[in-house]
């Protein structure tokens, strides 16, 4: 897994980089064949924005979060990515088991 952390108008300190890496390990435990994660940290006045592009086999996932506290924004971002990964994994398992339309209502 390749994690890239970049900053726009903010310096990425070793503490921020370490925190992002620890939180991205949570995403990795749900979906092992992760290819690449790009995290971008931006600052606009007092609001911290964090965006992430996640590449897995055959899919690209995107999430973003904003908050006045950078660490809270990172937590929200990881939570969003975690939910997306779980949904993708469930969808793939349903298709493998022959239930591709399981989540659609039937009339």
PDB file of N, CA and C in Angstrom:
ATOM      1  N   UNK A   1       0.857  -1.172   0.000  1.00  0.00           N
ATOM      2  CA  UNK A   1       0.000   0.000   0.000  1.00  0.00           C
ATOM      3  C   UNK A   1       0.896   1.226   0.000  1.00  0.00           C
ATOM      4  N   UNK A   2       0.633   2.123  -0.924  1.00  0.00           N
ATOM      5  CA  UNK A   2       1.390   3.352  -1.062  1.00  0.00           C
ATOM      6  C   UNK A   2       0.511   4.521  -0.612  1.00  0.00           C
ATOM      7  N   UNK A   3       0.909   5.191   0.461  1.00  0.00           N
ATOM      8  CA  UNK A   3       0.155   6.336   0.981  1.00  0.00           C
ATOM      9  C   UNK A   3       0.968   7.599   0.715  1.00  0.00           C
ATOM     10  N   UNK A   4       0.349   8.564   0.023  1.00  0.00           N
ATOM     11  CA  UNK A   4       0.984   9.838  -0.264  1.00  0.00           C
ATOM     12  C   UNK A   4       0.191  10.927   0.439  1.00  0.00           C
ATOM     13  N   UNK A   5       0.870  11.728   1.248  1.00  0.00           N
ATOM     14  CA  UNK A   5       0.227  12.832   1.972  1.00  0.00           C
ATOM     15  C   UNK A   5       0.854  14.127   1.475  1.00  0.00           C
ATOM     16  N   UNK A   6       0.015  15.011   0.922  1.00  0.00           N
ATOM     17  CA  UNK A   6       0.493  16.299   0.447  1.00  0.00           C
ATOM     18  C   UNK A   6      -0.326  17.412   1.081  1.00  0.00           C
ATOM     19  N   UNK A   7       0.246  18.595   1.103  1.00  0.00           N
ATOM     20  CA  UNK A   7      -0.438  19.728   1.696  1.00  0.00           C
ATOM     21  C   UNK A   7      -0.487  20.908   0.748  1.00  0.00           C
ATOM     22  N   UNK A   8      -1.598  21.599   0.737  1.00  0.00           N
ATOM     23  CA  UNK A   8      -1.752  22.829  -0.026  1.00  0.00           C
ATOM     24  C   UNK A   8      -1.965  23.953   0.970  1.00  0.00           C
ATOM     25  N   UNK A   9      -1.045  24.894   1.003  1.00  0.00           N
ATOM     26  CA  UNK A   9      -1.022  26.001   1.956  1.00  0.00           C
ATOM     27  C   UNK A   9      -0.872  25.529   3.398  1.00  0.00           C
ATOM     28  N   UNK A  10      -0.343  24.345   3.580  1.00  0.00           N
ATOM     29  CA  UNK A  10      -0.077  23.823   4.921  1.00  0.00           C
ATOM     30  C   UNK A  10       1.130  22.889   4.831  1.00  0.00           C
ATOM     31  N   UNK A  11       1.970  22.949   5.836  1.00  0.00           N
ATOM     32  CA  UNK A  11       3.125  22.074   5.891  1.00  0.00           C
ATOM     33  C   UNK A  11       2.721  20.771   6.565  1.00  0.00           C
ATOM     34  N   UNK A  12       3.090  19.669   5.948  1.00  0.00           N
ATOM     35  CA  UNK A  12       2.778  18.359   6.502  1.00  0.00           C
ATOM     36  C   UNK A  12       3.904  17.993   7.475  1.00  0.00           C
ATOM     37  N   UNK A  13       3.595  18.039   8.750  1.00  0.00           N
ATOM     38  CA  UNK A  13       4.577  17.704   9.777  1.00  0.00           C
ATOM     39  C   UNK A  13       4.649  16.193   9.951  1.00  0.00           C
ATOM     40  N   UNK A  14       5.704  15.700  10.558  1.00  0.00           N
ATOM     41  CA  UNK A  14       5.778  14.253  10.816  1.00  0.00           C
ATOM     42  C   UNK A  14       4.617  13.743  11.677  1.00  0.00           C
ATOM     43  N   UNK A  15       4.118  14.578  12.584  1.00  0.00           N
ATOM     44  CA  UNK A  15       2.989  14.160  13.425  1.00  0.00           C
ATOM     45  C   UNK A  15       1.723  13.973  12.589  1.00  0.00           C
ATOM     46  N   UNK A  16       1.468  14.887  11.652  1.00  0.00           N
ATOM     47  CA  UNK A  16       0.291  14.762  10.781  1.00  0.00           C
ATOM     48  C   UNK A  16       0.428  13.534   9.902  1.00  0.00           C
ATOM     49  N   UNK A  17       1.625  13.345   9.320  1.00  0.00           N
ATOM     50  CA  UNK A  17       1.862  12.190   8.447  1.00  0.00           C
ATOM     51  C   UNK A  17       1.663  10.880   9.224  1.00  0.00           C
ATOM     52  N   UNK A  18       2.171  10.814  10.445  1.00  0.00           N
ATOM     53  CA  UNK A  18       2.032   9.612  11.268  1.00  0.00           C
ATOM     54  C   UNK A  18       0.561   9.350  11.601  1.00  0.00           C
ATOM     55  N   UNK A  19      -0.173  10.398  11.927  1.00  0.00           N
ATOM     56  CA  UNK A  19      -1.591  10.254  12.264  1.00  0.00           C
ATOM     57  C   UNK A  19      -2.376   9.731  11.062  1.00  0.00           C
ATOM     58  N   UNK A  20      -2.097  10.268   9.872  1.00  0.00           N
ATOM     59  CA  UNK A  20      -2.781   9.811   8.659  1.00  0.00           C
ATOM     60  C   UNK A  20      -2.452   8.348   8.390  1.00  0.00           C
ATOM     61  N   UNK A  21      -1.197   7.972   8.532  1.00  0.00           N
ATOM     62  CA  UNK A  21      -0.800   6.580   8.283  1.00  0.00           C
ATOM     63  C   UNK A  21      -1.479   5.620   9.259  1.00  0.00           C
ATOM     64  N   UNK A  22      -1.565   6.007  10.529  1.00  0.00           N
ATOM     65  CA  UNK A  22      -2.225   5.155  11.521  1.00  0.00           C
ATOM     66  C   UNK A  22      -3.700   4.989  11.198  1.00  0.00           C
ATOM     67  N   UNK A  23      -4.346   6.061  10.787  1.00  0.00           N
ATOM     68  CA  UNK A  23      -5.776   5.997  10.478  1.00  0.00           C
ATOM     69  C   UNK A  23      -6.040   5.225   9.192  1.00  0.00           C
ATOM     70  N   UNK A  24      -5.145   5.322   8.211  1.00  0.00           N
ATOM     71  CA  UNK A  24      -5.335   4.593   6.957  1.00  0.00           C
ATOM     72  C   UNK A  24      -5.154   3.087   7.161  1.00  0.00           C
ATOM     73  N   UNK A  25      -4.471   2.697   8.215  1.00  0.00           N
ATOM     74  CA  UNK A  25      -4.349   1.262   8.530  1.00  0.00           C
ATOM     75  C   UNK A  25      -5.722   0.677   8.826  1.00  0.00           C
ATOM     76  N   UNK A  26      -6.628   1.487   9.365  1.00  0.00           N
ATOM     77  CA  UNK A  26      -8.004   1.051   9.634  1.00  0.00           C
ATOM     78  C   UNK A  26      -8.719   0.694   8.336  1.00  0.00           C
ATOM     79  N   UNK A  27      -8.480   1.485   7.293  1.00  0.00           N
ATOM     80  CA  UNK A  27      -9.096   1.215   5.993  1.00  0.00           C
ATOM     81  C   UNK A  27      -8.495  -0.046   5.391  1.00  0.00           C
ATOM     82  N   UNK A  28      -7.207  -0.226   5.571  1.00  0.00           N
ATOM     83  CA  UNK A  28      -6.512  -1.365   4.977  1.00  0.00           C
ATOM     84  C   UNK A  28      -7.008  -2.696   5.531  1.00  0.00           C
ATOM     85  N   UNK A  29      -7.410  -2.736   6.787  1.00  0.00           N
ATOM     86  CA  UNK A  29      -7.811  -4.015   7.385  1.00  0.00           C
ATOM     87  C   UNK A  29      -9.092  -4.569   6.764  1.00  0.00           C
ATOM     88  N   UNK A  30      -9.927  -3.703   6.169  1.00  0.00           N
ATOM     89  CA  UNK A  30     -11.164  -4.172   5.550  1.00  0.00           C
ATOM     90  C   UNK A  30     -10.970  -4.651   4.122  1.00  0.00           C
ATOM     91  N   UNK A  31      -9.984  -4.114   3.442  1.00  0.00           N
ATOM     92  CA  UNK A  31      -9.830  -4.423   2.028  1.00  0.00           C
ATOM     93  C   UNK A  31      -8.343  -4.520   1.741  1.00  0.00           C
ATOM     94  N   UNK A  32      -7.815  -5.712   1.680  1.00  0.00           N
ATOM     95  CA  UNK A  32      -6.376  -5.915   1.594  1.00  0.00           C
ATOM     96  C   UNK A  32      -5.734  -5.454   0.279  1.00  0.00           C
ATOM     97  N   UNK A  33      -6.288  -5.717  -0.891  1.00  0.00           N
ATOM     98  CA  UNK A  33      -5.531  -5.348  -2.101  1.00  0.00           C
ATOM     99  C   UNK A  33      -5.611  -3.862  -2.447  1.00  0.00           C
ATOM    100  N   UNK A  34      -5.282  -2.993  -1.490  1.00  0.00           N
ATOM    101  CA  UNK A  34      -5.233  -1.562  -1.765  1.00  0.00           C
ATOM    102  C   UNK A  34      -4.005  -1.273  -2.613  1.00  0.00           C
ATOM    103  N   UNK A  35      -4.173  -0.433  -3.621  1.00  0.00           N
ATOM    104  CA  UNK A  35      -3.068  -0.113  -4.504  1.00  0.00           C
ATOM    105  C   UNK A  35      -2.415   1.198  -4.101  1.00  0.00           C
ATOM    106  N   UNK A  36      -3.244   2.230  -3.898  1.00  0.00           N
ATOM    107  CA  UNK A  36      -2.688   3.562  -3.729  1.00  0.00           C
ATOM    108  C   UNK A  36      -3.670   4.444  -2.963  1.00  0.00           C
ATOM    109  N   UNK A  37      -3.159   5.264  -2.063  1.00  0.00           N
ATOM    110  CA  UNK A  37      -3.982   6.249  -1.363  1.00  0.00           C
ATOM    111  C   UNK A  37      -3.284   7.596  -1.461  1.00  0.00           C
ATOM    112  N   UNK A  38      -3.996   8.609  -1.966  1.00  0.00           N
ATOM    113  CA  UNK A  38      -3.485   9.969  -2.033  1.00  0.00           C
ATOM    114  C   UNK A  38      -4.326  10.840  -1.118  1.00  0.00           C
ATOM    115  N   UNK A  39      -3.684  11.465  -0.140  1.00  0.00           N
ATOM    116  CA  UNK A  39      -4.370  12.331   0.811  1.00  0.00           C
ATOM    117  C   UNK A  39      -3.869  13.757   0.595  1.00  0.00           C
ATOM    118  N   UNK A  40      -4.818  14.697   0.457  1.00  0.00           N
ATOM    119  CA  UNK A  40      -4.479  16.104   0.273  1.00  0.00           C
ATOM    120  C   UNK A  40      -5.086  16.891   1.426  1.00  0.00           C
ATOM    121  N   UNK A  41      -4.248  17.685   2.088  1.00  0.00           N
ATOM    122  CA  UNK A  41      -4.683  18.522   3.198  1.00  0.00           C
ATOM    123  C   UNK A  41      -4.651  19.970   2.721  1.00  0.00           C
ATOM    124  N   UNK A  42      -5.774  20.679   2.886  1.00  0.00           N
ATOM    125  CA  UNK A  42      -5.883  22.072   2.461  1.00  0.00           C
ATOM    126  C   UNK A  42      -6.348  22.921   3.637  1.00  0.00           C
ATOM    127  N   UNK A  43      -6.003  24.190   3.593  1.00  0.00           N
ATOM    128  CA  UNK A  43      -6.445  25.127   4.626  1.00  0.00           C
ATOM    129  C   UNK A  43      -7.061  26.335   3.945  1.00  0.00           C
ATOM    130  N   UNK A  44      -8.276  26.689   4.352  1.00  0.00           N
ATOM    131  CA  UNK A  44      -8.951  27.908   3.916  1.00  0.00           C
ATOM    132  C   UNK A  44      -9.370  28.664   5.157  1.00  0.00           C
ATOM    133  N   UNK A  45      -8.702  29.731   5.434  1.00  0.00           N
ATOM    134  CA  UNK A  45      -8.936  30.537   6.634  1.00  0.00           C
ATOM    135  C   UNK A  45      -8.886  29.653   7.866  1.00  0.00           C
ATOM    136  N   UNK A  46      -9.992  29.400   8.517  1.00  0.00           N
ATOM    137  CA  UNK A  46      -9.981  28.590   9.740  1.00  0.00           C
ATOM    138  C   UNK A  46     -10.494  27.173   9.530  1.00  0.00           C
ATOM    139  N   UNK A  47     -10.800  26.809   8.290  1.00  0.00           N
ATOM    140  CA  UNK A  47     -11.368  25.494   8.005  1.00  0.00           C
ATOM    141  C   UNK A  47     -10.303  24.598   7.369  1.00  0.00           C
ATOM    142  N   UNK A  48     -10.175  23.397   7.916  1.00  0.00           N
ATOM    143  CA  UNK A  48      -9.235  22.400   7.400  1.00  0.00           C
ATOM    144  C   UNK A  48     -10.011  21.440   6.492  1.00  0.00           C
ATOM    145  N   UNK A  49      -9.515  21.241   5.272  1.00  0.00           N
ATOM    146  CA  UNK A  49     -10.140  20.317   4.321  1.00  0.00           C
ATOM    147  C   UNK A  49      -9.176  19.158   4.082  1.00  0.00           C
ATOM    148  N   UNK A  50      -9.711  17.959   4.073  1.00  0.00           N
ATOM    149  CA  UNK A  50      -8.915  16.772   3.794  1.00  0.00           C
ATOM    150  C   UNK A  50      -9.643  15.978   2.723  1.00  0.00           C
ATOM    151  N   UNK A  51      -8.912  15.596   1.672  1.00  0.00           N
ATOM    152  CA  UNK A  51      -9.467  14.795   0.579  1.00  0.00           C
ATOM    153  C   UNK A  51      -8.605  13.560   0.401  1.00  0.00           C
ATOM    154  N   UNK A  52      -9.224  12.478  -0.051  1.00  0.00           N
ATOM    155  CA  UNK A  52      -8.461  11.250  -0.294  1.00  0.00           C
ATOM    156  C   UNK A  52      -9.001  10.550  -1.534  1.00  0.00           C
ATOM    157  N   UNK A  53      -8.085  10.103  -2.365  1.00  0.00           N
ATOM    158  CA  UNK A  53      -8.383   9.232  -3.495  1.00  0.00           C
ATOM    159  C   UNK A  53      -7.803   7.874  -3.166  1.00  0.00           C
ATOM    160  N   UNK A  54      -8.622   6.859  -3.262  1.00  0.00           N
ATOM    161  CA  UNK A  54      -8.216   5.515  -2.903  1.00  0.00           C
ATOM    162  C   UNK A  54      -8.389   4.625  -4.116  1.00  0.00           C
ATOM    163  N   UNK A  55      -7.331   3.959  -4.520  1.00  0.00           N
ATOM    164  CA  UNK A  55      -7.404   3.055  -5.660  1.00  0.00           C
ATOM    165  C   UNK A  55      -7.329   1.623  -5.177  1.00  0.00           C
ATOM    166  N   UNK A  56      -8.342   0.848  -5.542  1.00  0.00           N
ATOM    167  CA  UNK A  56      -8.345  -0.587  -5.305  1.00  0.00           C
ATOM    168  C   UNK A  56      -8.497  -1.242  -6.661  1.00  0.00           C
ATOM    169  N   UNK A  57      -8.426  -2.531  -6.704  1.00  0.00           N
ATOM    170  CA  UNK A  57      -8.496  -3.227  -7.986  1.00  0.00           C
ATOM    171  C   UNK A  57      -9.814  -2.939  -8.685  1.00  0.00           C
ATOM    172  N   UNK A  58      -9.751  -2.182  -9.769  1.00  0.00           N
ATOM    173  CA  UNK A  58     -10.920  -1.911 -10.579  1.00  0.00           C
ATOM    174  C   UNK A  58     -11.802  -0.773 -10.108  1.00  0.00           C
ATOM    175  N   UNK A  59     -11.469  -0.118  -9.014  1.00  0.00           N
ATOM    176  CA  UNK A  59     -12.314   0.947  -8.475  1.00  0.00           C
ATOM    177  C   UNK A  59     -11.462   2.097  -7.950  1.00  0.00           C
ATOM    178  N   UNK A  60     -11.997   3.295  -8.074  1.00  0.00           N
ATOM    179  CA  UNK A  60     -11.407   4.483  -7.468  1.00  0.00           C
ATOM    180  C   UNK A  60     -12.453   5.076  -6.537  1.00  0.00           C
ATOM    181  N   UNK A  61     -12.083   5.290  -5.296  1.00  0.00           N
ATOM    182  CA  UNK A  61     -12.987   5.867  -4.312  1.00  0.00           C
ATOM    183  C   UNK A  61     -12.472   7.243  -3.921  1.00  0.00           C
ATOM    184  N   UNK A  62     -13.400   8.171  -3.662  1.00  0.00           N
ATOM    185  CA  UNK A  62     -13.046   9.525  -3.281  1.00  0.00           C
ATOM    186  C   UNK A  62     -13.859   9.929  -2.065  1.00  0.00           C
ATOM    187  N   UNK A  63     -13.204  10.611  -1.145  1.00  0.00           N
ATOM    188  CA  UNK A  63     -13.907  11.126   0.032  1.00  0.00           C
ATOM    189  C   UNK A  63     -13.258  12.444   0.436  1.00  0.00           C
ATOM    190  N   UNK A  64     -14.066  13.293   1.064  1.00  0.00           N
ATOM    191  CA  UNK A  64     -13.515  14.533   1.595  1.00  0.00           C
ATOM    192  C   UNK A  64     -14.241  14.891   2.879  1.00  0.00           C
ATOM    193  N   UNK A  65     -13.546  15.648   3.721  1.00  0.00           N
ATOM    194  CA  UNK A  65     -14.111  16.071   4.998  1.00  0.00           C
ATOM    195  C   UNK A  65     -13.540  17.437   5.351  1.00  0.00           C
ATOM    196  N   UNK A  66     -14.316  18.204   6.093  1.00  0.00           N
ATOM    197  CA  UNK A  66     -13.893  19.539   6.521  1.00  0.00           C
ATOM    198  C   UNK A  66     -14.256  19.736   7.982  1.00  0.00           C
ATOM    199  N   UNK A  67     -13.380  20.441   8.687  1.00  0.00           N
ATOM    200  CA  UNK A  67     -13.631  20.760  10.078  1.00  0.00           C
ATOM    201  C   UNK A  67     -12.633  21.829  10.492  1.00  0.00           C
ATOM    202  N   UNK A  68     -12.890  22.469  11.614  1.00  0.00           N
ATOM    203  CA  UNK A  68     -11.946  23.471  12.104  1.00  0.00           C
ATOM    204  C   UNK A  68     -10.710  22.815  12.713  1.00  0.00           C
ATOM    205  N   UNK A  69     -10.835  21.564  13.166  1.00  0.00           N
ATOM    206  CA  UNK A  69      -9.713  20.812  13.707  1.00  0.00           C
ATOM    207  C   UNK A  69      -9.252  19.795  12.665  1.00  0.00           C
ATOM    208  N   UNK A  70      -7.973  19.813  12.331  1.00  0.00           N
ATOM    209  CA  UNK A  70      -7.440  18.935  11.298  1.00  0.00           C
ATOM    210  C   UNK A  70      -7.585  17.465  11.663  1.00  0.00           C
ATOM    211  N   UNK A  71      -7.339  17.128  12.910  1.00  0.00           N
ATOM    212  CA  UNK A  71      -7.400  15.719  13.325  1.00  0.00           C
ATOM    213  C   UNK A  71      -8.834  15.182  13.289  1.00  0.00           C
ATOM    214  N   UNK A  72      -9.800  16.009  13.601  1.00  0.00           N
ATOM    215  CA  UNK A  72     -11.207  15.606  13.501  1.00  0.00           C
ATOM    216  C   UNK A  72     -11.581  15.413  12.032  1.00  0.00           C
ATOM    217  N   UNK A  73     -11.089  16.283  11.156  1.00  0.00           N
ATOM    218  CA  UNK A  73     -11.357  16.148   9.719  1.00  0.00           C
ATOM    219  C   UNK A  73     -10.767  14.848   9.188  1.00  0.00           C
ATOM    220  N   UNK A  74      -9.576  14.491   9.641  1.00  0.00           N
ATOM    221  CA  UNK A  74      -8.962  13.223   9.217  1.00  0.00           C
ATOM    222  C   UNK A  74      -9.786  12.043   9.711  1.00  0.00           C
ATOM    223  N   UNK A  75     -10.255  12.097  10.951  1.00  0.00           N
ATOM    224  CA  UNK A  75     -11.107  11.028  11.488  1.00  0.00           C
ATOM    225  C   UNK A  75     -12.385  10.878  10.664  1.00  0.00           C
ATOM    226  N   UNK A  76     -13.019  11.999  10.310  1.00  0.00           N
ATOM    227  CA  UNK A  76     -14.240  11.951   9.497  1.00  0.00           C
ATOM    228  C   UNK A  76     -13.950  11.366   8.124  1.00  0.00           C
ATOM    229  N   UNK A  77     -12.828  11.737   7.540  1.00  0.00           N
ATOM    230  CA  UNK A  77     -12.436  11.221   6.231  1.00  0.00           C
ATOM    231  C   UNK A  77     -12.248   9.712   6.273  1.00  0.00           C
ATOM    232  N   UNK A  78     -11.544   9.232   7.272  1.00  0.00           N
ATOM    233  CA  UNK A  78     -11.293   7.791   7.393  1.00  0.00           C
ATOM    234  C   UNK A  78     -12.599   7.039   7.626  1.00  0.00           C
ATOM    235  N   UNK A  79     -13.491   7.614   8.412  1.00  0.00           N
ATOM    236  CA  UNK A  79     -14.788   6.979   8.643  1.00  0.00           C
ATOM    237  C   UNK A  79     -15.571   6.863   7.332  1.00  0.00           C
ATOM    238  N   UNK A  80     -15.567   7.910   6.527  1.00  0.00           N
ATOM    239  CA  UNK A  80     -16.259   7.888   5.234  1.00  0.00           C
ATOM    240  C   UNK A  80     -15.640   6.853   4.308  1.00  0.00           C
ATOM    241  N   UNK A  81     -14.317   6.817   4.231  1.00  0.00           N
ATOM    242  CA  UNK A  81     -13.644   5.824   3.389  1.00  0.00           C
ATOM    243  C   UNK A  81     -13.924   4.407   3.871  1.00  0.00           C
ATOM    244  N   UNK A  82     -13.945   4.232   5.167  1.00  0.00           N
ATOM    245  CA  UNK A  82     -14.222   2.924   5.747  1.00  0.00           C
ATOM    246  C   UNK A  82     -15.600   2.421   5.331  1.00  0.00           C
ATOM    247  N   UNK A  83     -16.594   3.297   5.400  1.00  0.00           N
ATOM    248  CA  UNK A  83     -17.953   2.907   4.982  1.00  0.00           C
ATOM    249  C   UNK A  83     -17.991   2.576   3.495  1.00  0.00           C
ATOM    250  N   UNK A  84     -17.297   3.362   2.666  1.00  0.00           N
ATOM    251  CA  UNK A  84     -17.280   3.103   1.230  1.00  0.00           C
ATOM    252  C   UNK A  84     -16.628   1.755   0.925  1.00  0.00           C
ATOM    253  N   UNK A  85     -15.539   1.448   1.606  1.00  0.00           N
ATOM    254  CA  UNK A  85     -14.848   0.174   1.399  1.00  0.00           C
ATOM    255  C   UNK A  85     -15.738  -0.997   1.802  1.00  0.00           C
ATOM    256  N   UNK A  86     -16.422  -0.869   2.929  1.00  0.00           N
ATOM    257  CA  UNK A  86     -17.312  -1.939   3.392  1.00  0.00           C
ATOM    258  C   UNK A  86     -18.447  -2.146   2.395  1.00  0.00           C
ATOM    259  N   UNK A  87     -19.025  -1.054   1.887  1.00  0.00           N
ATOM    260  CA  UNK A  87     -20.092  -1.172   0.886  1.00  0.00           C
ATOM    261  C   UNK A  87     -19.589  -1.844  -0.378  1.00  0.00           C
ATOM    262  N   UNK A  88     -18.398  -1.466  -0.844  1.00  0.00           N
ATOM    263  CA  UNK A  88     -17.814  -2.064  -2.037  1.00  0.00           C
ATOM    264  C   UNK A  88     -17.556  -3.550  -1.825  1.00  0.00           C
ATOM    265  N   UNK A  89     -17.042  -3.896  -0.670  1.00  0.00           N
ATOM    266  CA  UNK A  89     -16.755  -5.298  -0.361  1.00  0.00           C
ATOM    267  C   UNK A  89     -18.038  -6.122  -0.307  1.00  0.00           C
ATOM    268  N   UNK A  90     -19.090  -5.587   0.323  1.00  0.00           N
ATOM    269  CA  UNK A  90     -20.369  -6.289   0.372  1.00  0.00           C
ATOM    270  C   UNK A  90     -20.957  -6.464  -1.021  1.00  0.00           C
ATOM    271  N   UNK A  91     -20.828  -5.433  -1.835  1.00  0.00           N
ATOM    272  CA  UNK A  91     -21.347  -5.498  -3.204  1.00  0.00           C
ATOM    273  C   UNK A  91     -20.627  -6.583  -4.003  1.00  0.00           C
ATOM    274  N   UNK A  92     -19.314  -6.663  -3.858  1.00  0.00           N
ATOM    275  CA  UNK A  92     -18.547  -7.681  -4.565  1.00  0.00           C
ATOM    276  C   UNK A  92     -18.898  -9.081  -4.064  1.00  0.00           C
ATOM    277  N   UNK A  93     -19.090  -9.242  -2.764  1.00  0.00           N
ATOM    278  CA  UNK A  93     -19.452 -10.548  -2.226  1.00  0.00           C
ATOM    279  C   UNK A  93     -20.840 -10.972  -2.696  1.00  0.00           C
ATOM    280  N   UNK A  94     -21.783 -10.024  -2.781  1.00  0.00           N
ATOM    281  CA  UNK A  94     -23.121 -10.340  -3.272  1.00  0.00           C
ATOM    282  C   UNK A  94     -23.062 -10.800  -4.721  1.00  0.00           C
ATOM    283  N   UNK A  95     -22.240 -10.157  -5.530  1.00  0.00           N
ATOM    284  CA  UNK A  95     -22.131 -10.535  -6.928  1.00  0.00           C
ATOM    285  C   UNK A  95     -21.487 -11.900  -7.078  1.00  0.00           C
ATOM    286  N   UNK A  96     -20.540 -12.224  -6.221  1.00  0.00           N
ATOM    287  CA  UNK A  96     -19.896 -13.540  -6.278  1.00  0.00           C
ATOM    288  C   UNK A  96     -20.872 -14.647  -5.883  1.00  0.00           C
ATOM    289  N   UNK A  97     -21.782 -14.342  -4.967  1.00  0.00           N
ATOM    290  CA  UNK A  97     -22.730 -15.337  -4.486  1.00  0.00           C
ATOM    291  C   UNK A  97     -23.970 -15.439  -5.362  1.00  0.00           C
ATOM    292  N   UNK A  98     -24.025 -14.688  -6.444  1.00  0.00           N
ATOM    293  CA  UNK A  98     -25.164 -14.765  -7.348  1.00  0.00           C
ATOM    294  C   UNK A  98     -26.334 -13.910  -6.934  1.00  0.00           C
ATOM    295  N   UNK A  99     -26.128 -12.923  -6.080  1.00  0.00           N
ATOM    296  CA  UNK A  99     -27.194 -12.028  -5.634  1.00  0.00           C
ATOM    297  C   UNK A  99     -26.868 -10.577  -6.002  1.00  0.00           C
ATOM    298  N   UNK A 100     -26.721 -10.247  -7.286  1.00  0.00           N
ATOM    299  CA  UNK A 100     -26.311  -8.885  -7.637  1.00  0.00           C
ATOM    300  C   UNK A 100     -27.370  -7.830  -7.340  1.00  0.00           C
ATOM    301  N   UNK A 101     -28.638  -8.220  -7.225  1.00  0.00           N
ATOM    302  CA  UNK A 101     -29.705  -7.249  -7.012  1.00  0.00           C
ATOM    303  C   UNK A 101     -30.293  -7.371  -5.607  1.00  0.00           C
ATOM    304  N   UNK A 102     -29.520  -7.819  -4.664  1.00  0.00           N
ATOM    305  CA  UNK A 102     -30.009  -8.056  -3.310  1.00  0.00           C
ATOM    306  C   UNK A 102     -30.552  -6.783  -2.652  1.00  0.00           C
ATOM    307  N   UNK A 103     -29.906  -5.647  -2.887  1.00  0.00           N
ATOM    308  CA  UNK A 103     -30.273  -4.423  -2.189  1.00  0.00           C
ATOM    309  C   UNK A 103     -31.390  -3.632  -2.883  1.00  0.00           C
ATOM    310  N   UNK A 104     -31.838  -4.088  -4.049  1.00  0.00           N
ATOM    311  CA  UNK A 104     -32.917  -3.392  -4.748  1.00  0.00           C
ATOM    312  C   UNK A 104     -34.263  -3.917  -4.271  1.00  0.00           C
ATOM    313  N   UNK A 105     -35.239  -3.028  -4.058  1.00  0.00           N
ATOM    314  CA  UNK A 105     -36.560  -3.486  -3.628  1.00  0.00           C
ATOM    315  C   UNK A 105     -37.271  -4.222  -4.775  1.00  0.00           C
ATOM    316  N   UNK A 106     -38.039  -5.209  -4.400  1.00  0.00           N
ATOM    317  CA  UNK A 106     -38.822  -5.957  -5.392  1.00  0.00           C
ATOM    318  C   UNK A 106     -40.287  -5.569  -5.291  1.00  0.00           C
ATOM    319  N   UNK A 107     -40.921  -5.465  -6.415  1.00  0.00           N
ATOM    320  CA  UNK A 107     -42.357  -5.117  -6.440  1.00  0.00           C
ATOM    321  C   UNK A 107     -43.196  -6.286  -6.833  1.00  0.00           C
TER     322      UNK A 107
END
